[in-house]
Amino acid sequence: MSNDTRPAASPGPGSSPGEVLLWVRRLAPVQRRRIRDDAGLSRATLGRWLGCTDGAVVAWEIGRRTPAGMLGERYGALLQRLLSEEGR
């Protein structure tokens, strides 16, 4: 397994929810965590923004679960936004 923690290229603005979900599912758990950490957000804050528990965020970030459904789409869209803001 690679130690590279750079996220895969995002599908970009205007992408369908399915494309965003596929992108976030392809991210390694460590990449998901890195995006959140680099934005200075706690798991609890991210969970509140998404409408889920911090436990769900933990599960995605350690690889116990894979983001799915509408919640996974919102999670992917938020991570994309955090990445785009980081690049400014």
PDB file of N, CA and C in Angstrom:
ATOM      1  N   MET A   1       0.841  -1.184   0.000  1.00  0.00           N
ATOM      2  CA  MET A   1       0.000   0.000   0.000  1.00  0.00           C
ATOM      3  C   MET A   1       0.882   1.242   0.000  1.00  0.00           C
ATOM      4  N   SER A   2       0.476   2.225  -0.746  1.00  0.00           N
ATOM      5  CA  SER A   2       1.244   3.454  -0.874  1.00  0.00           C
ATOM      6  C   SER A   2       1.072   4.340   0.350  1.00  0.00           C
ATOM      7  N   ASN A   3       2.104   5.106   0.664  1.00  0.00           N
ATOM      8  CA  ASN A   3       2.033   6.068   1.757  1.00  0.00           C
ATOM      9  C   ASN A   3       1.574   7.431   1.272  1.00  0.00           C
ATOM     10  N   ASP A   4       1.230   7.542   0.002  1.00  0.00           N
ATOM     11  CA  ASP A   4       0.794   8.806  -0.583  1.00  0.00           C
ATOM     12  C   ASP A   4      -0.566   9.181  -0.012  1.00  0.00           C
ATOM     13  N   THR A   5      -0.664  10.352   0.592  1.00  0.00           N
ATOM     14  CA  THR A   5      -1.924  10.780   1.185  1.00  0.00           C
ATOM     15  C   THR A   5      -2.586  11.889   0.380  1.00  0.00           C
ATOM     16  N   ARG A   6      -2.079  12.157  -0.806  1.00  0.00           N
ATOM     17  CA  ARG A   6      -2.728  13.159  -1.652  1.00  0.00           C
ATOM     18  C   ARG A   6      -4.008  12.562  -2.226  1.00  0.00           C
ATOM     19  N   PRO A   7      -5.118  13.324  -2.165  1.00  0.00           N
ATOM     20  CA  PRO A   7      -6.371  12.797  -2.695  1.00  0.00           C
ATOM     21  C   PRO A   7      -6.369  12.716  -4.211  1.00  0.00           C
ATOM     22  N   ALA A   8      -7.155  11.792  -4.721  1.00  0.00           N
ATOM     23  CA  ALA A   8      -7.342  11.680  -6.164  1.00  0.00           C
ATOM     24  C   ALA A   8      -8.024  12.940  -6.665  1.00  0.00           C
ATOM     25  N   ALA A   9      -7.848  13.225  -7.932  1.00  0.00           N
ATOM     26  CA  ALA A   9      -8.477  14.412  -8.511  1.00  0.00           C
ATOM     27  C   ALA A   9      -9.985  14.365  -8.313  1.00  0.00           C
ATOM     28  N   SER A  10     -10.510  15.467  -7.871  1.00  0.00           N
ATOM     29  CA  SER A  10     -11.944  15.609  -7.643  1.00  0.00           C
ATOM     30  C   SER A  10     -12.673  15.676  -8.983  1.00  0.00           C
ATOM     31  N   PRO A  11     -13.917  15.171  -9.044  1.00  0.00           N
ATOM     32  CA  PRO A  11     -14.648  15.257 -10.308  1.00  0.00           C
ATOM     33  C   PRO A  11     -14.971  16.680 -10.738  1.00  0.00           C
ATOM     34  N   GLY A  12     -14.892  17.646  -9.826  1.00  0.00           N
ATOM     35  CA  GLY A  12     -15.048  19.044 -10.194  1.00  0.00           C
ATOM     36  C   GLY A  12     -16.453  19.583 -10.015  1.00  0.00           C
ATOM     37  N   PRO A  13     -16.570  20.901 -10.156  1.00  0.00           N
ATOM     38  CA  PRO A  13     -17.866  21.561  -9.977  1.00  0.00           C
ATOM     39  C   PRO A  13     -18.881  21.049 -10.992  1.00  0.00           C
ATOM     40  N   GLY A  14     -20.115  20.963 -10.566  1.00  0.00           N
ATOM     41  CA  GLY A  14     -21.179  20.524 -11.451  1.00  0.00           C
ATOM     42  C   GLY A  14     -21.241  19.021 -11.651  1.00  0.00           C
ATOM     43  N   SER A  15     -20.425  18.280 -10.910  1.00  0.00           N
ATOM     44  CA  SER A  15     -20.438  16.824 -11.022  1.00  0.00           C
ATOM     45  C   SER A  15     -21.734  16.272 -10.455  1.00  0.00           C
ATOM     46  N   SER A  16     -22.139  15.145 -10.967  1.00  0.00           N
ATOM     47  CA  SER A  16     -23.351  14.515 -10.454  1.00  0.00           C
ATOM     48  C   SER A  16     -23.080  13.964  -9.057  1.00  0.00           C
ATOM     49  N   PRO A  17     -24.142  13.830  -8.247  1.00  0.00           N
ATOM     50  CA  PRO A  17     -23.947  13.239  -6.911  1.00  0.00           C
ATOM     51  C   PRO A  17     -23.293  11.855  -6.973  1.00  0.00           C
ATOM     52  N   GLY A  18     -23.612  11.089  -8.002  1.00  0.00           N
ATOM     53  CA  GLY A  18     -23.005   9.766  -8.151  1.00  0.00           C
ATOM     54  C   GLY A  18     -21.501   9.840  -8.369  1.00  0.00           C
ATOM     55  N   GLU A  19     -21.067  10.823  -9.152  1.00  0.00           N
ATOM     56  CA  GLU A  19     -19.624  10.998  -9.389  1.00  0.00           C
ATOM     57  C   GLU A  19     -18.916  11.415  -8.104  1.00  0.00           C
ATOM     58  N   VAL A  20     -19.561  12.283  -7.335  1.00  0.00           N
ATOM     59  CA  VAL A  20     -18.979  12.731  -6.068  1.00  0.00           C
ATOM     60  C   VAL A  20     -18.877  11.560  -5.103  1.00  0.00           C
ATOM     61  N   LEU A  21     -19.929  10.735  -5.041  1.00  0.00           N
ATOM     62  CA  LEU A  21     -19.910   9.571  -4.147  1.00  0.00           C
ATOM     63  C   LEU A  21     -18.807   8.602  -4.560  1.00  0.00           C
ATOM     64  N   LEU A  22     -18.680   8.351  -5.846  1.00  0.00           N
ATOM     65  CA  LEU A  22     -17.627   7.454  -6.328  1.00  0.00           C
ATOM     66  C   LEU A  22     -16.252   7.997  -5.948  1.00  0.00           C
ATOM     67  N   TRP A  23     -16.057   9.304  -6.100  1.00  0.00           N
ATOM     68  CA  TRP A  23     -14.773   9.924  -5.746  1.00  0.00           C
ATOM     69  C   TRP A  23     -14.462   9.727  -4.265  1.00  0.00           C
ATOM     70  N   VAL A  24     -15.429  10.034  -3.387  1.00  0.00           N
ATOM     71  CA  VAL A  24     -15.155   9.940  -1.953  1.00  0.00           C
ATOM     72  C   VAL A  24     -14.935   8.491  -1.534  1.00  0.00           C
ATOM     73  N   ARG A  25     -15.605   7.559  -2.187  1.00  0.00           N
ATOM     74  CA  ARG A  25     -15.414   6.145  -1.858  1.00  0.00           C
ATOM     75  C   ARG A  25     -14.022   5.657  -2.278  1.00  0.00           C
ATOM     76  N   ARG A  26     -13.454   6.289  -3.316  1.00  0.00           N
ATOM     77  CA  ARG A  26     -12.114   5.895  -3.782  1.00  0.00           C
ATOM     78  C   ARG A  26     -10.987   6.487  -2.936  1.00  0.00           C
ATOM     79  N   LEU A  27     -11.309   7.510  -2.154  1.00  0.00           N
ATOM     80  CA  LEU A  27     -10.286   8.085  -1.275  1.00  0.00           C
ATOM     81  C   LEU A  27      -9.924   7.067  -0.195  1.00  0.00           C
ATOM     82  N   ALA A  28      -8.666   7.003   0.124  1.00  0.00           N
ATOM     83  CA  ALA A  28      -8.250   6.179   1.264  1.00  0.00           C
ATOM     84  C   ALA A  28      -8.738   6.857   2.536  1.00  0.00           C
ATOM     85  N   PRO A  29      -9.069   6.083   3.567  1.00  0.00           N
ATOM     86  CA  PRO A  29      -9.516   6.693   4.820  1.00  0.00           C
ATOM     87  C   PRO A  29      -8.561   7.768   5.340  1.00  0.00           C
ATOM     88  N   VAL A  30      -7.259   7.546   5.217  1.00  0.00           N
ATOM     89  CA  VAL A  30      -6.290   8.536   5.689  1.00  0.00           C
ATOM     90  C   VAL A  30      -6.406   9.836   4.896  1.00  0.00           C
ATOM     91  N   GLN A  31      -6.780   9.747   3.622  1.00  0.00           N
ATOM     92  CA  GLN A  31      -6.963  10.949   2.811  1.00  0.00           C
ATOM     93  C   GLN A  31      -8.180  11.739   3.288  1.00  0.00           C
ATOM     94  N   ARG A  32      -9.252  11.028   3.635  1.00  0.00           N
ATOM     95  CA  ARG A  32     -10.448  11.699   4.155  1.00  0.00           C
ATOM     96  C   ARG A  32     -10.107  12.458   5.428  1.00  0.00           C
ATOM     97  N   ARG A  33      -9.363  11.794   6.306  1.00  0.00           N
ATOM     98  CA  ARG A  33      -8.986  12.435   7.572  1.00  0.00           C
ATOM     99  C   ARG A  33      -8.073  13.638   7.319  1.00  0.00           C
ATOM    100  N   ARG A  34      -7.129  13.488   6.426  1.00  0.00           N
ATOM    101  CA  ARG A  34      -6.191  14.576   6.141  1.00  0.00           C
ATOM    102  C   ARG A  34      -6.925  15.819   5.660  1.00  0.00           C
ATOM    103  N   ILE A  35      -7.912  15.655   4.797  1.00  0.00           N
ATOM    104  CA  ILE A  35      -8.668  16.810   4.296  1.00  0.00           C
ATOM    105  C   ILE A  35      -9.346  17.522   5.462  1.00  0.00           C
ATOM    106  N   ARG A  36      -9.986  16.749   6.350  1.00  0.00           N
ATOM    107  CA  ARG A  36     -10.665  17.348   7.501  1.00  0.00           C
ATOM    108  C   ARG A  36      -9.671  18.020   8.430  1.00  0.00           C
ATOM    109  N   ASP A  37      -8.590  17.321   8.747  1.00  0.00           N
ATOM    110  CA  ASP A  37      -7.572  17.883   9.638  1.00  0.00           C
ATOM    111  C   ASP A  37      -6.976  19.171   9.077  1.00  0.00           C
ATOM    112  N   ASP A  38      -6.669  19.163   7.780  1.00  0.00           N
ATOM    113  CA  ASP A  38      -6.059  20.343   7.154  1.00  0.00           C
ATOM    114  C   ASP A  38      -7.004  21.546   7.182  1.00  0.00           C
ATOM    115  N   ALA A  39      -8.306  21.273   7.225  1.00  0.00           N
ATOM    116  CA  ALA A  39      -9.296  22.356   7.302  1.00  0.00           C
ATOM    117  C   ALA A  39      -9.512  22.820   8.740  1.00  0.00           C
ATOM    118  N   GLY A  40      -8.901  22.110   9.697  1.00  0.00           N
ATOM    119  CA  GLY A  40      -9.022  22.494  11.100  1.00  0.00           C
ATOM    120  C   GLY A  40     -10.365  22.152  11.717  1.00  0.00           C
ATOM    121  N   LEU A  41     -11.029  21.144  11.162  1.00  0.00           N
ATOM    122  CA  LEU A  41     -12.343  20.748  11.676  1.00  0.00           C
ATOM    123  C   LEU A  41     -12.241  19.520  12.571  1.00  0.00           C
ATOM    124  N   SER A  42     -13.049  19.504  13.610  1.00  0.00           N
ATOM    125  CA  SER A  42     -13.145  18.301  14.441  1.00  0.00           C
ATOM    126  C   SER A  42     -14.114  17.333  13.777  1.00  0.00           C
ATOM    127  N   ARG A  43     -14.047  16.082  14.184  1.00  0.00           N
ATOM    128  CA  ARG A  43     -15.001  15.092  13.673  1.00  0.00           C
ATOM    129  C   ARG A  43     -16.418  15.457  14.079  1.00  0.00           C
ATOM    130  N   ALA A  44     -16.569  15.977  15.293  1.00  0.00           N
ATOM    131  CA  ALA A  44     -17.895  16.362  15.778  1.00  0.00           C
ATOM    132  C   ALA A  44     -18.489  17.487  14.929  1.00  0.00           C
ATOM    133  N   THR A  45     -17.670  18.473  14.580  1.00  0.00           N
ATOM    134  CA  THR A  45     -18.148  19.580  13.752  1.00  0.00           C
ATOM    135  C   THR A  45     -18.541  19.079  12.372  1.00  0.00           C
ATOM    136  N   LEU A  46     -17.704  18.266  11.771  1.00  0.00           N
ATOM    137  CA  LEU A  46     -18.014  17.720  10.457  1.00  0.00           C
ATOM    138  C   LEU A  46     -19.310  16.911  10.518  1.00  0.00           C
ATOM    139  N   GLY A  47     -19.460  16.103  11.556  1.00  0.00           N
ATOM    140  CA  GLY A  47     -20.686  15.324  11.719  1.00  0.00           C
ATOM    141  C   GLY A  47     -21.919  16.205  11.835  1.00  0.00           C
ATOM    142  N   ARG A  48     -21.809  17.282  12.598  1.00  0.00           N
ATOM    143  CA  ARG A  48     -22.947  18.213  12.718  1.00  0.00           C
ATOM    144  C   ARG A  48     -23.296  18.820  11.370  1.00  0.00           C
ATOM    145  N   TRP A  49     -22.282  19.226  10.604  1.00  0.00           N
ATOM    146  CA  TRP A  49     -22.526  19.805   9.281  1.00  0.00           C
ATOM    147  C   TRP A  49     -23.224  18.810   8.357  1.00  0.00           C
ATOM    148  N   LEU A  50     -22.859  17.532   8.503  1.00  0.00           N
ATOM    149  CA  LEU A  50     -23.425  16.510   7.622  1.00  0.00           C
ATOM    150  C   LEU A  50     -24.748  15.946   8.132  1.00  0.00           C
ATOM    151  N   GLY A  51     -25.028  16.147   9.418  1.00  0.00           N
ATOM    152  CA  GLY A  51     -26.228  15.569  10.004  1.00  0.00           C
ATOM    153  C   GLY A  51     -26.031  14.125  10.428  1.00  0.00           C
ATOM    154  N   CYS A  52     -24.817  13.802  10.879  1.00  0.00           N
ATOM    155  CA  CYS A  52     -24.525  12.455  11.360  1.00  0.00           C
ATOM    156  C   CYS A  52     -23.694  12.559  12.636  1.00  0.00           C
ATOM    157  N   THR A  53     -23.373  11.451  13.223  1.00  0.00           N
ATOM    158  CA  THR A  53     -22.573  11.446  14.449  1.00  0.00           C
ATOM    159  C   THR A  53     -21.086  11.520  14.119  1.00  0.00           C
ATOM    160  N   ASP A  54     -20.314  11.916  15.119  1.00  0.00           N
ATOM    161  CA  ASP A  54     -18.864  11.890  14.926  1.00  0.00           C
ATOM    162  C   ASP A  54     -18.386  10.448  14.785  1.00  0.00           C
ATOM    163  N   GLY A  55     -19.136   9.506  15.332  1.00  0.00           N
ATOM    164  CA  GLY A  55     -18.799   8.087  15.178  1.00  0.00           C
ATOM    165  C   GLY A  55     -18.839   7.642  13.724  1.00  0.00           C
ATOM    166  N   ALA A  56     -19.783   8.184  12.950  1.00  0.00           N
ATOM    167  CA  ALA A  56     -19.833   7.862  11.521  1.00  0.00           C
ATOM    168  C   ALA A  56     -18.591   8.403  10.817  1.00  0.00           C
ATOM    169  N   VAL A  57     -18.191   9.613  11.183  1.00  0.00           N
ATOM    170  CA  VAL A  57     -16.991  10.206  10.581  1.00  0.00           C
ATOM    171  C   VAL A  57     -15.764   9.365  10.943  1.00  0.00           C
ATOM    172  N   VAL A  58     -15.675   8.941  12.199  1.00  0.00           N
ATOM    173  CA  VAL A  58     -14.567   8.072  12.620  1.00  0.00           C
ATOM    174  C   VAL A  58     -14.542   6.802  11.769  1.00  0.00           C
ATOM    175  N   ALA A  59     -15.701   6.185  11.592  1.00  0.00           N
ATOM    176  CA  ALA A  59     -15.774   4.932  10.825  1.00  0.00           C
ATOM    177  C   ALA A  59     -15.274   5.127   9.392  1.00  0.00           C
ATOM    178  N   TRP A  60     -15.597   6.266   8.781  1.00  0.00           N
ATOM    179  CA  TRP A  60     -15.115   6.545   7.423  1.00  0.00           C
ATOM    180  C   TRP A  60     -13.617   6.808   7.409  1.00  0.00           C
ATOM    181  N   GLU A  61     -13.122   7.455   8.459  1.00  0.00           N
ATOM    182  CA  GLU A  61     -11.710   7.845   8.478  1.00  0.00           C
ATOM    183  C   GLU A  61     -10.771   6.718   8.898  1.00  0.00           C
ATOM    184  N   ILE A  62     -11.290   5.679   9.497  1.00  0.00           N
ATOM    185  CA  ILE A  62     -10.423   4.544   9.843  1.00  0.00           C
ATOM    186  C   ILE A  62     -10.673   3.342   8.935  1.00  0.00           C
ATOM    187  N   GLY A  63     -11.630   3.481   8.023  1.00  0.00           N
ATOM    188  CA  GLY A  63     -11.896   2.421   7.056  1.00  0.00           C
ATOM    189  C   GLY A  63     -12.829   1.332   7.534  1.00  0.00           C
ATOM    190  N   ARG A  64     -13.494   1.543   8.655  1.00  0.00           N
ATOM    191  CA  ARG A  64     -14.445   0.543   9.152  1.00  0.00           C
ATOM    192  C   ARG A  64     -15.703   0.532   8.290  1.00  0.00           C
ATOM    193  N   ARG A  65     -16.058   1.695   7.757  1.00  0.00           N
ATOM    194  CA  ARG A  65     -17.217   1.814   6.867  1.00  0.00           C
ATOM    195  C   ARG A  65     -16.841   2.675   5.671  1.00  0.00           C
ATOM    196  N   THR A  66     -17.621   2.513   4.611  1.00  0.00           N
ATOM    197  CA  THR A  66     -17.430   3.308   3.400  1.00  0.00           C
ATOM    198  C   THR A  66     -18.626   4.238   3.253  1.00  0.00           C
ATOM    199  N   PRO A  67     -18.390   5.514   2.955  1.00  0.00           N
ATOM    200  CA  PRO A  67     -19.506   6.444   2.771  1.00  0.00           C
ATOM    201  C   PRO A  67     -20.468   5.917   1.696  1.00  0.00           C
ATOM    202  N   ALA A  68     -21.760   6.073   1.953  1.00  0.00           N
ATOM    203  CA  ALA A  68     -22.764   5.570   1.013  1.00  0.00           C
ATOM    204  C   ALA A  68     -23.991   6.470   1.008  1.00  0.00           C
ATOM    205  N   GLY A  69     -24.784   6.346  -0.024  1.00  0.00           N
ATOM    206  CA  GLY A  69     -26.062   7.026  -0.116  1.00  0.00           C
ATOM    207  C   GLY A  69     -25.940   8.542  -0.125  1.00  0.00           C
ATOM    208  N   MET A  70     -27.050   9.170   0.243  1.00  0.00           N
ATOM    209  CA  MET A  70     -27.085  10.635   0.231  1.00  0.00           C
ATOM    210  C   MET A  70     -26.095  11.242   1.224  1.00  0.00           C
ATOM    211  N   LEU A  71     -25.900  10.582   2.362  1.00  0.00           N
ATOM    212  CA  LEU A  71     -24.935  11.075   3.335  1.00  0.00           C
ATOM    213  C   LEU A  71     -23.524  11.024   2.762  1.00  0.00           C
ATOM    214  N   GLY A  72     -23.203   9.956   2.062  1.00  0.00           N
ATOM    215  CA  GLY A  72     -21.904   9.856   1.408  1.00  0.00           C
ATOM    216  C   GLY A  72     -21.710  10.925   0.347  1.00  0.00           C
ATOM    217  N   GLU A  73     -22.795  11.248  -0.376  1.00  0.00           N
ATOM    218  CA  GLU A  73     -22.725  12.308  -1.386  1.00  0.00           C
ATOM    219  C   GLU A  73     -22.454  13.658  -0.728  1.00  0.00           C
ATOM    220  N   ARG A  74     -23.142  13.935   0.388  1.00  0.00           N
ATOM    221  CA  ARG A  74     -22.911  15.207   1.101  1.00  0.00           C
ATOM    222  C   ARG A  74     -21.489  15.263   1.652  1.00  0.00           C
ATOM    223  N   TYR A  75     -21.026  14.135   2.182  1.00  0.00           N
ATOM    224  CA  TYR A  75     -19.665  14.048   2.717  1.00  0.00           C
ATOM    225  C   TYR A  75     -18.650  14.337   1.611  1.00  0.00           C
ATOM    226  N   GLY A  76     -18.818  13.716   0.458  1.00  0.00           N
ATOM    227  CA  GLY A  76     -17.913  13.941  -0.663  1.00  0.00           C
ATOM    228  C   GLY A  76     -17.921  15.384  -1.129  1.00  0.00           C
ATOM    229  N   ALA A  77     -19.117  15.966  -1.228  1.00  0.00           N
ATOM    230  CA  ALA A  77     -19.227  17.358  -1.664  1.00  0.00           C
ATOM    231  C   ALA A  77     -18.539  18.294  -0.668  1.00  0.00           C
ATOM    232  N   LEU A  78     -18.696  18.011   0.624  1.00  0.00           N
ATOM    233  CA  LEU A  78     -18.053  18.849   1.635  1.00  0.00           C
ATOM    234  C   LEU A  78     -16.537  18.704   1.583  1.00  0.00           C
ATOM    235  N   LEU A  79     -16.042  17.476   1.412  1.00  0.00           N
ATOM    236  CA  LEU A  79     -14.590  17.292   1.306  1.00  0.00           C
ATOM    237  C   LEU A  79     -14.048  18.016   0.066  1.00  0.00           C
ATOM    238  N   GLN A  80     -14.795  17.963  -1.035  1.00  0.00           N
ATOM    239  CA  GLN A  80     -14.358  18.677  -2.234  1.00  0.00           C
ATOM    240  C   GLN A  80     -14.277  20.172  -1.967  1.00  0.00           C
ATOM    241  N   ARG A  81     -15.275  20.689  -1.272  1.00  0.00           N
ATOM    242  CA  ARG A  81     -15.268  22.126  -0.968  1.00  0.00           C
ATOM    243  C   ARG A  81     -14.083  22.488  -0.075  1.00  0.00           C
ATOM    244  N   LEU A  82     -13.810  21.653   0.921  1.00  0.00           N
ATOM    245  CA  LEU A  82     -12.670  21.914   1.803  1.00  0.00           C
ATOM    246  C   LEU A  82     -11.370  21.901   1.019  1.00  0.00           C
ATOM    247  N   LEU A  83     -11.252  20.964   0.074  1.00  0.00           N
ATOM    248  CA  LEU A  83     -10.042  20.900  -0.761  1.00  0.00           C
ATOM    249  C   LEU A  83      -9.907  22.151  -1.630  1.00  0.00           C
ATOM    250  N   SER A  84     -11.017  22.616  -2.198  1.00  0.00           N
ATOM    251  CA  SER A  84     -10.933  23.783  -3.077  1.00  0.00           C
ATOM    252  C   SER A  84     -10.586  25.033  -2.275  1.00  0.00           C
ATOM    253  N   GLU A  85     -11.099  25.130  -1.049  1.00  0.00           N
ATOM    254  CA  GLU A  85     -10.769  26.276  -0.194  1.00  0.00           C
ATOM    255  C   GLU A  85      -9.321  26.214   0.255  1.00  0.00           C
ATOM    256  N   GLU A  86      -8.810  25.016   0.450  1.00  0.00           N
ATOM    257  CA  GLU A  86      -7.416  24.830   0.864  1.00  0.00           C
ATOM    258  C   GLU A  86      -6.467  25.315  -0.232  1.00  0.00           C
ATOM    259  N   GLY A  87      -6.868  25.160  -1.485  1.00  0.00           N
ATOM    260  CA  GLY A  87      -6.029  25.532  -2.611  1.00  0.00           C
ATOM    261  C   GLY A  87      -5.964  27.023  -2.879  1.00  0.00           C
ATOM    262  N   ARG A  88      -6.777  27.793  -2.179  1.00  0.00           N
ATOM    263  CA  ARG A  88      -6.787  29.248  -2.415  1.00  0.00           C
ATOM    264  C   ARG A  88      -5.600  29.927  -1.813  1.00  0.00           C
TER     265      ARG A  88
END
